[in-house]
């Protein structure tokens, strides 16, 4: 894989992580509005959001976003 291909793949991954984080936030807000914070779906989405948040924080720590 060339450097350009690696950079393109990294940028695609970064976009994907950000999109997934945003989607999880929106779904969590919708479930919260329905008072469904104790459902398995809510808890799984919360865990996913925290995972994506950690990845985004690592990008920021290393000056990549």
Protein backbone atom coordinates (compact mmCIF):
# COMPACT_ATOMS: atom_id res chain seq x y z
CA UNK A 1 0.00 0.00 0.00
CA UNK A 2 1.40 3.38 -0.95
CA UNK A 3 1.55 6.36 1.39
CA UNK A 4 -1.29 8.03 -0.53
CA UNK A 5 -3.44 4.91 -0.21
CA UNK A 6 -2.70 4.69 3.50
CA UNK A 7 -3.63 8.35 3.99
CA UNK A 8 -6.87 7.86 2.06
CA UNK A 9 -7.69 4.78 4.14
CA UNK A 10 -6.94 6.65 7.36
CA UNK A 11 -9.16 9.57 6.36
CA UNK A 12 -11.98 7.18 5.44
CA UNK A 13 -11.62 5.47 8.82
CA UNK A 14 -11.62 8.79 10.66
CA UNK A 15 -14.79 9.87 8.81
CA UNK A 16 -16.42 6.52 9.61
CA UNK A 17 -15.61 6.80 13.32
CA UNK A 18 -16.95 10.36 13.47
CA UNK A 19 -20.13 9.38 11.62
CA UNK A 20 -20.71 6.40 13.91
CA UNK A 21 -20.18 8.59 16.98
CA UNK A 22 -22.68 11.15 15.69
CA UNK A 23 -25.23 8.46 14.82
CA UNK A 24 -24.91 6.87 18.26
CA UNK A 25 -25.43 10.27 19.90
CA UNK A 26 -28.59 10.88 17.89
CA UNK A 27 -30.02 7.43 18.60
CA UNK A 28 -29.25 7.80 22.31
CA UNK A 29 -31.03 11.14 22.40
CA UNK A 30 -34.09 9.61 20.73
CA UNK A 31 -34.17 6.70 23.18
CA UNK A 32 -33.69 9.05 26.11
CA UNK A 33 -36.64 11.15 24.94
CA UNK A 34 -38.69 7.93 25.07
CA UNK A 35 -37.39 7.19 28.60
CA UNK A 36 -35.67 4.01 27.41
CA UNK A 37 -32.32 4.50 29.15
CA UNK A 38 -32.43 1.06 30.76
CA UNK A 39 -32.85 -0.94 27.55
CA UNK A 40 -30.17 -3.19 26.13
CA UNK A 41 -30.17 -1.13 22.94
CA UNK A 42 -29.49 2.08 24.85
CA UNK A 43 -26.67 0.48 26.82
CA UNK A 44 -25.07 -0.99 23.70
CA UNK A 45 -25.28 2.35 21.90
CA UNK A 46 -23.75 4.07 24.93
CA UNK A 47 -20.84 1.60 24.91
CA UNK A 48 -20.38 2.11 21.16
CA UNK A 49 -20.39 5.89 21.64
CA UNK A 50 -17.73 5.64 24.35
CA UNK A 51 -15.58 3.45 22.10
CA UNK A 52 -15.80 5.94 19.25
CA UNK A 53 -15.17 8.82 21.65
CA UNK A 54 -11.97 7.13 22.84
CA UNK A 55 -10.75 6.63 19.27
CA UNK A 56 -11.48 10.26 18.42
CA UNK A 57 -9.64 11.36 21.57
CA UNK A 58 -6.59 9.35 20.48
CA UNK A 59 -6.67 11.05 17.08
CA UNK A 60 -6.81 14.43 18.82
CA UNK A 61 -4.01 13.52 21.25
CA UNK A 62 -1.75 12.72 18.32
CA UNK A 63 -2.74 15.83 16.37
CA UNK A 64 -4.65 13.95 13.70
CA UNK A 65 -7.91 15.89 13.82
